[in-house]
Amino acid sequence: MHKPHHSDTEIELKLLMEAIYLKYSYDFRDYTLASQKRRVLHAMRELGCATISALQERVVHQPKAFSELLQYLTIPVTEMFRDPGYYAALREHVIPVLRTYPSLKIWVAGCSTGEEVFSLAILLKEEGLLERSIIYATDINPKSLEKARKCMFPLENMRAYTQNYQQAGGKRAFSDYYTAAYNAALFDRSLCENVTFADHSLATDTVFAETQLISCRNVMIYFKKKLQERALGLFHESLCHRGFLGLGSKESIDFSSYARHFEPIVKRERIFRKL
């Protein structure tokens, strides 16, 4: 019988992901091979390991090495009001419905360093809904969450963020929301008064609240089918009757078993509603 041939790299990657799961309970086993490989090779260069096996040895014996590797495995590529059309569509199609609830729970899954959380908070504030909202901002990377909690972003990003904000239908001067200090933009603390930052993995954890809106953008793009299904299952379970789900611009639920449980509200911007 012919055995499938795996390259040494594939074998080493598989063993590394298994070791991480067994030792630290972080599950990257169902991330796509391409994204695993790209991130691990980058980490090897940065951490000075000649082979994936050498990296694995370090990670198993040194928790500090794992914490460093985690920064490469969960690379945050994000900006405030990223894909402005998404936020404009939320404003137009989702906010009017959210207005009808006396209180709101919103989940930003895979919130990374918090750019999306602050964008949503600004949007809710402008629509008069922030006071009655609780936002759960979750990620598997504690260092990213720590950054998000600081309400600070690099000042040099503000020009791009301002442009995004304006295209997303922003109602004020974007600079109203932050003060410039040294090389950082410090955002108004009131924006995150109702935000709970928490460690949560879509691969291993369960649902923790009933929500009216879930925004999970550009996270599932790195998942294999099985993990995508698990994440969508969590979202479906968490959302209230007729709750909303927003995904990233290259993500889809068309081919998942949950496709029939959601209807597209703004297909182009990947905003769905639970049936």
C-alpha atoms as a PDB file:
ATOM      1  CA  MET A   1       0.000   0.000   0.000  1.00  0.00           C
ATOM      2  CA  HIS A   2       1.347   3.420  -0.991  1.00  0.00           C
ATOM      3  CA  LYS A   3       1.983   5.706   1.994  1.00  0.00           C
ATOM      4  CA  PRO A   4       1.362   9.439   1.480  1.00  0.00           C
ATOM      5  CA  HIS A   5       4.657  11.299   1.328  1.00  0.00           C
ATOM      6  CA  HIS A   6       5.108  14.184   3.773  1.00  0.00           C
ATOM      7  CA  SER A   7       8.052  16.522   3.480  1.00  0.00           C
ATOM      8  CA  ASP A   8      10.348  16.832   6.499  1.00  0.00           C
ATOM      9  CA  THR A   9       9.064  20.364   7.014  1.00  0.00           C
ATOM     10  CA  GLU A  10       5.453  19.157   7.160  1.00  0.00           C
ATOM     11  CA  ILE A  11       6.376  16.441   9.662  1.00  0.00           C
ATOM     12  CA  GLU A  12       8.313  18.881  11.842  1.00  0.00           C
ATOM     13  CA  LEU A  13       5.473  21.416  11.731  1.00  0.00           C
ATOM     14  CA  LYS A  14       2.929  18.767  12.684  1.00  0.00           C
ATOM     15  CA  LEU A  15       5.054  17.679  15.652  1.00  0.00           C
ATOM     16  CA  LEU A  16       5.613  21.276  16.762  1.00  0.00           C
ATOM     17  CA  MET A  17       1.866  22.079  16.697  1.00  0.00           C
ATOM     18  CA  GLU A  18       1.125  18.849  18.575  1.00  0.00           C
ATOM     19  CA  ALA A  19       3.769  19.689  21.209  1.00  0.00           C
ATOM     20  CA  ILE A  20       2.361  23.210  21.673  1.00  0.00           C
ATOM     21  CA  TYR A  21      -1.128  21.777  22.112  1.00  0.00           C
ATOM     22  CA  LEU A  22      -0.054  19.109  24.619  1.00  0.00           C
ATOM     23  CA  LYS A  23       2.129  21.423  26.666  1.00  0.00           C
ATOM     24  CA  TYR A  24       0.303  24.769  26.543  1.00  0.00           C
ATOM     25  CA  SER A  25      -3.247  23.909  25.346  1.00  0.00           C
ATOM     26  CA  TYR A  26      -2.971  26.351  22.438  1.00  0.00           C
ATOM     27  CA  ASP A  27      -4.363  24.687  19.351  1.00  0.00           C
ATOM     28  CA  PHE A  28      -2.815  25.688  16.032  1.00  0.00           C
ATOM     29  CA  ARG A  29      -3.156  22.204  14.530  1.00  0.00           C
ATOM     30  CA  ASP A  30      -5.975  23.214  12.226  1.00  0.00           C
ATOM     31  CA  TYR A  31      -4.387  26.394  10.926  1.00  0.00           C
ATOM     32  CA  THR A  32      -3.562  26.149   7.229  1.00  0.00           C
ATOM     33  CA  LEU A  33      -0.154  24.706   6.371  1.00  0.00           C
ATOM     34  CA  ALA A  34       0.838  27.830   4.435  1.00  0.00           C
ATOM     35  CA  SER A  35       0.177  30.134   7.376  1.00  0.00           C
ATOM     36  CA  GLN A  36       1.848  27.748   9.861  1.00  0.00           C
ATOM     37  CA  LYS A  37       4.926  27.494   7.691  1.00  0.00           C
ATOM     38  CA  ARG A  38       5.257  31.229   6.980  1.00  0.00           C
ATOM     39  CA  ARG A  39       4.954  32.160  10.658  1.00  0.00           C
ATOM     40  CA  VAL A  40       7.191  29.406  12.019  1.00  0.00           C
ATOM     41  CA  LEU A  41       9.989  30.110   9.522  1.00  0.00           C
ATOM     42  CA  HIS A  42       9.843  33.783  10.484  1.00  0.00           C
ATOM     43  CA  ALA A  43      10.010  32.845  14.184  1.00  0.00           C
ATOM     44  CA  MET A  44      12.986  30.508  13.585  1.00  0.00           C
ATOM     45  CA  ARG A  45      14.967  33.319  11.994  1.00  0.00           C
ATOM     46  CA  GLU A  46      14.087  35.748  14.783  1.00  0.00           C
ATOM     47  CA  LEU A  47      14.728  33.263  17.596  1.00  0.00           C
ATOM     48  CA  GLY A  48      17.916  31.880  16.031  1.00  0.00           C
ATOM     49  CA  CYS A  49      16.865  28.244  15.526  1.00  0.00           C
ATOM     50  CA  ALA A  50      18.353  26.286  12.630  1.00  0.00           C
ATOM     51  CA  THR A  51      15.482  23.810  12.358  1.00  0.00           C
ATOM     52  CA  ILE A  52      11.825  23.520  13.370  1.00  0.00           C
ATOM     53  CA  SER A  53      12.849  20.628  15.641  1.00  0.00           C
ATOM     54  CA  ALA A  54      15.339  22.883  17.423  1.00  0.00           C
ATOM     55  CA  LEU A  55      12.556  25.416  17.900  1.00  0.00           C
ATOM     56  CA  GLN A  56      10.285  22.674  19.238  1.00  0.00           C
ATOM     57  CA  GLU A  57      12.907  21.606  21.769  1.00  0.00           C
ATOM     58  CA  ARG A  58      13.204  25.142  23.079  1.00  0.00           C
ATOM     59  CA  VAL A  59       9.466  25.691  23.225  1.00  0.00           C
ATOM     60  CA  VAL A  60       8.844  22.477  25.159  1.00  0.00           C
ATOM     61  CA  HIS A  61      11.524  23.228  27.761  1.00  0.00           C
ATOM     62  CA  GLN A  62      11.226  27.008  28.022  1.00  0.00           C
ATOM     63  CA  PRO A  63       7.823  28.640  28.542  1.00  0.00           C
ATOM     64  CA  LYS A  64       9.463  31.987  27.797  1.00  0.00           C
ATOM     65  CA  ALA A  65      10.414  30.727  24.323  1.00  0.00           C
ATOM     66  CA  PHE A  66       6.784  29.702  23.768  1.00  0.00           C
ATOM     67  CA  SER A  67       5.547  33.144  24.770  1.00  0.00           C
ATOM     68  CA  GLU A  68       7.927  34.612  22.150  1.00  0.00           C
ATOM     69  CA  LEU A  69       6.842  32.114  19.500  1.00  0.00           C
ATOM     70  CA  LEU A  70       3.199  32.966  20.216  1.00  0.00           C
ATOM     71  CA  GLN A  71       3.857  36.530  19.021  1.00  0.00           C
ATOM     72  CA  TYR A  72       4.790  35.124  15.605  1.00  0.00           C
ATOM     73  CA  LEU A  73       2.000  32.545  15.453  1.00  0.00           C
ATOM     74  CA  THR A  74      -0.652  35.227  16.040  1.00  0.00           C
ATOM     75  CA  ILE A  75       0.624  38.048  13.862  1.00  0.00           C
ATOM     76  CA  PRO A  76      -1.831  40.920  14.116  1.00  0.00           C
ATOM     77  CA  VAL A  77      -2.432  42.585  10.756  1.00  0.00           C
ATOM     78  CA  THR A  78      -4.953  45.215  11.644  1.00  0.00           C
ATOM     79  CA  GLU A  79      -5.885  48.873  11.507  1.00  0.00           C
ATOM     80  CA  MET A  80      -8.698  51.053  12.785  1.00  0.00           C
ATOM     81  CA  PHE A  81     -11.787  51.105  10.564  1.00  0.00           C
ATOM     82  CA  ARG A  82     -10.106  48.579   8.273  1.00  0.00           C
ATOM     83  CA  ASP A  83     -12.327  48.072   5.183  1.00  0.00           C
ATOM     84  CA  PRO A  84     -14.379  51.242   5.865  1.00  0.00           C
ATOM     85  CA  GLY A  85     -17.292  49.840   3.846  1.00  0.00           C
ATOM     86  CA  TYR A  86     -17.807  47.250   6.568  1.00  0.00           C
ATOM     87  CA  TYR A  87     -18.325  49.913   9.231  1.00  0.00           C
ATOM     88  CA  ALA A  88     -20.508  52.005   6.916  1.00  0.00           C
ATOM     89  CA  ALA A  89     -22.689  48.918   6.366  1.00  0.00           C
ATOM     90  CA  LEU A  90     -22.899  48.280  10.125  1.00  0.00           C
ATOM     91  CA  ARG A  91     -23.985  51.881  10.614  1.00  0.00           C
ATOM     92  CA  GLU A  92     -26.663  51.654   7.953  1.00  0.00           C
ATOM     93  CA  HIS A  93     -28.034  48.128   8.327  1.00  0.00           C
ATOM     94  CA  VAL A  94     -27.159  46.805  11.774  1.00  0.00           C
ATOM     95  CA  ILE A  95     -27.220  49.806  14.136  1.00  0.00           C
ATOM     96  CA  PRO A  96     -30.946  50.564  13.530  1.00  0.00           C
ATOM     97  CA  VAL A  97     -31.784  47.030  14.696  1.00  0.00           C
ATOM     98  CA  LEU A  98     -29.363  47.147  17.654  1.00  0.00           C
ATOM     99  CA  ARG A  99     -31.136  50.346  18.734  1.00  0.00           C
ATOM    100  CA  THR A 100     -34.235  48.301  19.522  1.00  0.00           C
ATOM    101  CA  TYR A 101     -32.478  46.387  22.340  1.00  0.00           C
ATOM    102  CA  PRO A 102     -32.475  47.866  25.867  1.00  0.00           C
ATOM    103  CA  SER A 103     -28.923  46.577  26.377  1.00  0.00           C
ATOM    104  CA  LEU A 104     -26.330  45.194  24.012  1.00  0.00           C
ATOM    105  CA  LYS A 105     -23.634  42.556  24.164  1.00  0.00           C
ATOM    106  CA  ILE A 106     -21.078  42.565  21.396  1.00  0.00           C
ATOM    107  CA  TRP A 107     -18.233  40.112  20.862  1.00  0.00           C
ATOM    108  CA  VAL A 108     -15.082  41.014  18.952  1.00  0.00           C
ATOM    109  CA  ALA A 109     -13.443  37.621  18.457  1.00  0.00           C
ATOM    110  CA  GLY A 110      -9.722  37.633  17.680  1.00  0.00           C
ATOM    111  CA  CYS A 111      -9.424  41.284  18.688  1.00  0.00           C
ATOM    112  CA  SER A 112      -5.612  41.315  18.459  1.00  0.00           C
ATOM    113  CA  THR A 113      -4.205  44.673  19.658  1.00  0.00           C
ATOM    114  CA  GLY A 114      -7.631  46.312  19.829  1.00  0.00           C
ATOM    115  CA  GLU A 115      -7.947  48.460  16.699  1.00  0.00           C
ATOM    116  CA  GLU A 116     -11.288  46.904  15.755  1.00  0.00           C
ATOM    117  CA  VAL A 117     -12.613  47.209  19.312  1.00  0.00           C
ATOM    118  CA  PHE A 118     -11.947  50.949  19.415  1.00  0.00           C
ATOM    119  CA  SER A 119     -13.421  51.406  15.937  1.00  0.00           C
ATOM    120  CA  LEU A 120     -16.648  49.733  17.061  1.00  0.00           C
ATOM    121  CA  ALA A 121     -16.686  51.704  20.313  1.00  0.00           C
ATOM    122  CA  ILE A 122     -16.400  54.974  18.365  1.00  0.00           C
ATOM    123  CA  LEU A 123     -19.185  53.884  16.017  1.00  0.00           C
ATOM    124  CA  LEU A 124     -21.440  52.943  18.959  1.00  0.00           C
ATOM    125  CA  LYS A 125     -20.656  56.212  20.741  1.00  0.00           C
ATOM    126  CA  GLU A 126     -21.624  58.228  17.676  1.00  0.00           C
ATOM    127  CA  GLU A 127     -24.864  56.310  17.411  1.00  0.00           C
ATOM    128  CA  GLY A 128     -25.645  56.811  21.121  1.00  0.00           C
ATOM    129  CA  LEU A 129     -25.363  53.106  21.944  1.00  0.00           C
ATOM    130  CA  LEU A 130     -22.029  52.814  23.742  1.00  0.00           C
ATOM    131  CA  GLU A 131     -23.441  53.458  27.230  1.00  0.00           C
ATOM    132  CA  ARG A 132     -25.792  50.495  26.974  1.00  0.00           C
ATOM    133  CA  SER A 133     -23.276  48.137  25.377  1.00  0.00           C
ATOM    134  CA  ILE A 134     -20.896  45.601  26.811  1.00  0.00           C
ATOM    135  CA  ILE A 135     -18.116  44.651  24.435  1.00  0.00           C
ATOM    136  CA  TYR A 136     -16.233  41.390  24.914  1.00  0.00           C
ATOM    137  CA  ALA A 137     -12.864  41.634  23.202  1.00  0.00           C
ATOM    138  CA  THR A 138     -11.119  38.268  23.074  1.00  0.00           C
ATOM    139  CA  ASP A 139      -7.859  36.919  21.722  1.00  0.00           C
ATOM    140  CA  ILE A 140      -5.524  34.005  22.378  1.00  0.00           C
ATOM    141  CA  ASN A 141      -2.499  36.249  22.719  1.00  0.00           C
ATOM    142  CA  PRO A 142      -2.101  37.807  26.200  1.00  0.00           C
ATOM    143  CA  LYS A 143       0.506  40.303  24.950  1.00  0.00           C
ATOM    144  CA  SER A 144      -1.880  41.612  22.296  1.00  0.00           C
ATOM    145  CA  LEU A 145      -4.625  41.978  24.904  1.00  0.00           C
ATOM    146  CA  GLU A 146      -2.240  43.877  27.145  1.00  0.00           C
ATOM    147  CA  LYS A 147      -1.508  46.296  24.307  1.00  0.00           C
ATOM    148  CA  ALA A 148      -5.223  46.705  23.594  1.00  0.00           C
ATOM    149  CA  ARG A 149      -5.932  47.548  27.247  1.00  0.00           C
ATOM    150  CA  LYS A 150      -3.537  50.498  27.081  1.00  0.00           C
ATOM    151  CA  CYS A 151      -5.802  52.417  24.642  1.00  0.00           C
ATOM    152  CA  MET A 152      -2.647  53.509  22.807  1.00  0.00           C
ATOM    153  CA  PHE A 153      -1.702  53.265  19.157  1.00  0.00           C
ATOM    154  CA  PRO A 154       1.297  54.547  17.183  1.00  0.00           C
ATOM    155  CA  LEU A 155       0.837  58.186  16.244  1.00  0.00           C
ATOM    156  CA  GLU A 156       2.187  57.565  12.733  1.00  0.00           C
ATOM    157  CA  ASN A 157      -0.876  55.382  11.991  1.00  0.00           C
ATOM    158  CA  MET A 158      -3.358  58.162  12.671  1.00  0.00           C
ATOM    159  CA  ARG A 159      -3.364  59.597   9.177  1.00  0.00           C
ATOM    160  CA  ALA A 160      -4.406  56.273   7.663  1.00  0.00           C
ATOM    161  CA  TYR A 161      -6.914  55.624  10.449  1.00  0.00           C
ATOM    162  CA  THR A 162      -8.435  59.086   9.977  1.00  0.00           C
ATOM    163  CA  GLN A 163      -8.949  58.394   6.287  1.00  0.00           C
ATOM    164  CA  ASN A 164     -10.602  55.057   7.073  1.00  0.00           C
ATOM    165  CA  TYR A 165     -12.794  56.702   9.702  1.00  0.00           C
ATOM    166  CA  GLN A 166     -14.001  59.349   7.263  1.00  0.00           C
ATOM    167  CA  GLN A 167     -14.766  56.731   4.595  1.00  0.00           C
ATOM    168  CA  ALA A 168     -16.661  54.708   7.199  1.00  0.00           C
ATOM    169  CA  GLY A 169     -19.053  57.651   7.649  1.00  0.00           C
ATOM    170  CA  GLY A 170     -17.458  59.144  10.755  1.00  0.00           C
ATOM    171  CA  LYS A 171     -19.464  62.035  12.199  1.00  0.00           C
ATOM    172  CA  ARG A 172     -16.769  64.037  13.982  1.00  0.00           C
ATOM    173  CA  ALA A 173     -13.103  64.946  13.688  1.00  0.00           C
ATOM    174  CA  PHE A 174     -11.240  61.701  14.356  1.00  0.00           C
ATOM    175  CA  SER A 175      -8.713  63.606  16.470  1.00  0.00           C
ATOM    176  CA  ASP A 176     -11.513  64.289  18.996  1.00  0.00           C
ATOM    177  CA  TYR A 177     -11.043  60.725  20.194  1.00  0.00           C
ATOM    178  CA  TYR A 178      -7.372  60.792  21.124  1.00  0.00           C
ATOM    179  CA  THR A 179      -4.612  62.959  22.517  1.00  0.00           C
ATOM    180  CA  ALA A 180      -1.144  62.861  21.059  1.00  0.00           C
ATOM    181  CA  ALA A 181       1.571  62.097  23.597  1.00  0.00           C
ATOM    182  CA  TYR A 182       5.185  61.447  22.547  1.00  0.00           C
ATOM    183  CA  ASN A 183       4.874  59.038  19.603  1.00  0.00           C
ATOM    184  CA  ALA A 184       1.547  57.635  20.665  1.00  0.00           C
ATOM    185  CA  ALA A 185      -2.108  58.436  20.260  1.00  0.00           C
ATOM    186  CA  LEU A 186      -3.817  57.890  23.588  1.00  0.00           C
ATOM    187  CA  PHE A 187      -7.503  57.141  23.042  1.00  0.00           C
ATOM    188  CA  ASP A 188     -10.244  58.410  25.302  1.00  0.00           C
ATOM    189  CA  ARG A 189     -10.631  56.002  28.239  1.00  0.00           C
ATOM    190  CA  SER A 190     -14.411  56.333  28.118  1.00  0.00           C
ATOM    191  CA  LEU A 191     -14.305  54.312  24.898  1.00  0.00           C
ATOM    192  CA  CYS A 192     -13.193  51.194  26.730  1.00  0.00           C
ATOM    193  CA  GLU A 193     -15.063  51.580  30.012  1.00  0.00           C
ATOM    194  CA  ASN A 194     -17.542  48.925  28.886  1.00  0.00           C
ATOM    195  CA  VAL A 195     -14.982  46.670  27.222  1.00  0.00           C
ATOM    196  CA  THR A 196     -13.964  43.387  28.817  1.00  0.00           C
ATOM    197  CA  PHE A 197     -10.681  42.081  27.403  1.00  0.00           C
ATOM    198  CA  ALA A 198     -10.327  38.331  27.862  1.00  0.00           C
ATOM    199  CA  ASP A 199      -8.236  35.399  26.812  1.00  0.00           C
ATOM    200  CA  HIS A 200     -10.351  33.089  24.624  1.00  0.00           C
ATOM    201  CA  SER A 201      -9.520  30.517  21.972  1.00  0.00           C
ATOM    202  CA  LEU A 202     -11.903  29.666  19.153  1.00  0.00           C
ATOM    203  CA  ALA A 203     -10.092  26.325  18.923  1.00  0.00           C
ATOM    204  CA  THR A 204     -10.491  25.123  22.509  1.00  0.00           C
ATOM    205  CA  ASP A 205     -12.883  27.349  24.500  1.00  0.00           C
ATOM    206  CA  THR A 206     -16.672  27.505  24.690  1.00  0.00           C
ATOM    207  CA  VAL A 207     -19.313  30.235  24.479  1.00  0.00           C
ATOM    208  CA  PHE A 208     -19.474  32.648  27.413  1.00  0.00           C
ATOM    209  CA  ALA A 209     -22.346  35.063  26.681  1.00  0.00           C
ATOM    210  CA  GLU A 210     -25.427  35.685  24.579  1.00  0.00           C
ATOM    211  CA  THR A 211     -24.614  38.411  22.067  1.00  0.00           C
ATOM    212  CA  GLN A 212     -26.460  40.563  19.522  1.00  0.00           C
ATOM    213  CA  LEU A 213     -23.447  41.187  17.288  1.00  0.00           C
ATOM    214  CA  ILE A 214     -20.246  39.232  16.703  1.00  0.00           C
ATOM    215  CA  SER A 215     -17.433  40.704  14.666  1.00  0.00           C
ATOM    216  CA  CYS A 216     -14.699  38.242  13.747  1.00  0.00           C
ATOM    217  CA  ARG A 217     -12.660  39.633  10.907  1.00  0.00           C
ATOM    218  CA  ASN A 218      -9.666  38.062   9.185  1.00  0.00           C
ATOM    219  CA  VAL A 219      -9.260  35.344  11.776  1.00  0.00           C
ATOM    220  CA  MET A 220     -10.902  32.341  10.110  1.00  0.00           C
ATOM    221  CA  ILE A 221      -8.910  32.955   6.969  1.00  0.00           C
ATOM    222  CA  TYR A 222      -6.056  31.123   8.743  1.00  0.00           C
ATOM    223  CA  PHE A 223      -8.216  28.163   9.821  1.00  0.00           C
ATOM    224  CA  LYS A 224      -8.698  24.837   8.104  1.00  0.00           C
ATOM    225  CA  LYS A 225     -12.269  23.714   7.447  1.00  0.00           C
ATOM    226  CA  LYS A 226     -12.671  21.860  10.742  1.00  0.00           C
ATOM    227  CA  LEU A 227     -11.672  24.837  12.874  1.00  0.00           C
ATOM    228  CA  GLN A 228     -13.793  27.207  10.759  1.00  0.00           C
ATOM    229  CA  GLU A 229     -16.784  24.981  11.496  1.00  0.00           C
ATOM    230  CA  ARG A 230     -16.014  25.028  15.221  1.00  0.00           C
ATOM    231  CA  ALA A 231     -15.762  28.827  15.263  1.00  0.00           C
ATOM    232  CA  LEU A 232     -19.004  29.273  13.322  1.00  0.00           C
ATOM    233  CA  GLY A 233     -20.668  26.836  15.733  1.00  0.00           C
ATOM    234  CA  LEU A 234     -19.590  29.016  18.673  1.00  0.00           C
ATOM    235  CA  PHE A 235     -20.855  32.153  16.946  1.00  0.00           C
ATOM    236  CA  HIS A 236     -24.185  30.551  16.107  1.00  0.00           C
ATOM    237  CA  GLU A 237     -24.601  29.387  19.696  1.00  0.00           C
ATOM    238  CA  SER A 238     -23.645  32.771  21.167  1.00  0.00           C
ATOM    239  CA  LEU A 239     -25.862  34.931  18.954  1.00  0.00           C
ATOM    240  CA  CYS A 240     -29.368  35.733  20.088  1.00  0.00           C
ATOM    241  CA  HIS A 241     -32.342  35.117  17.802  1.00  0.00           C
ATOM    242  CA  ARG A 242     -31.712  37.202  14.634  1.00  0.00           C
ATOM    243  CA  GLY A 243     -28.287  38.335  15.880  1.00  0.00           C
ATOM    244  CA  PHE A 244     -25.626  39.652  13.474  1.00  0.00           C
ATOM    245  CA  LEU A 245     -22.279  38.205  12.407  1.00  0.00           C
ATOM    246  CA  GLY A 246     -19.584  40.188  10.592  1.00  0.00           C
ATOM    247  CA  LEU A 247     -16.637  38.456   8.887  1.00  0.00           C
ATOM    248  CA  GLY A 248     -13.532  39.615   7.027  1.00  0.00           C
ATOM    249  CA  SER A 249     -13.586  40.592   3.358  1.00  0.00           C
ATOM    250  CA  LYS A 250     -12.079  37.304   2.135  1.00  0.00           C
ATOM    251  CA  GLU A 251     -14.105  35.071   4.431  1.00  0.00           C
ATOM    252  CA  SER A 252     -17.311  33.247   3.669  1.00  0.00           C
ATOM    253  CA  ILE A 253     -19.805  30.865   5.218  1.00  0.00           C
ATOM    254  CA  ASP A 254     -21.137  29.668   1.855  1.00  0.00           C
ATOM    255  CA  PHE A 255     -19.523  26.244   1.999  1.00  0.00           C
ATOM    256  CA  SER A 256     -19.922  25.559   5.692  1.00  0.00           C
ATOM    257  CA  SER A 257     -22.632  23.508   7.337  1.00  0.00           C
ATOM    258  CA  TYR A 258     -23.805  26.742   8.970  1.00  0.00           C
ATOM    259  CA  ALA A 259     -24.598  28.466   5.662  1.00  0.00           C
ATOM    260  CA  ARG A 260     -28.306  27.643   5.991  1.00  0.00           C
ATOM    261  CA  HIS A 261     -28.419  29.066   9.529  1.00  0.00           C
ATOM    262  CA  PHE A 262     -27.505  32.577   8.376  1.00  0.00           C
ATOM    263  CA  GLU A 263     -28.771  34.974   5.741  1.00  0.00           C
ATOM    264  CA  PRO A 264     -26.580  37.614   4.121  1.00  0.00           C
ATOM    265  CA  ILE A 265     -27.620  41.174   5.035  1.00  0.00           C
ATOM    266  CA  VAL A 266     -24.835  42.962   3.164  1.00  0.00           C
ATOM    267  CA  LYS A 267     -23.142  40.228   1.173  1.00  0.00           C
ATOM    268  CA  ARG A 268     -20.332  42.411  -0.142  1.00  0.00           C
ATOM    269  CA  GLU A 269     -19.286  43.423   3.366  1.00  0.00           C
ATOM    270  CA  ARG A 270     -19.800  39.918   4.784  1.00  0.00           C
ATOM    271  CA  ILE A 271     -22.513  40.837   7.269  1.00  0.00           C
ATOM    272  CA  PHE A 272     -24.915  37.983   8.083  1.00  0.00           C
ATOM    273  CA  ARG A 273     -27.941  37.510  10.294  1.00  0.00           C
ATOM    274  CA  LYS A 274     -28.829  34.387  12.246  1.00  0.00           C
ATOM    275  CA  LEU A 275     -32.015  32.788  10.959  1.00  0.00           C
END
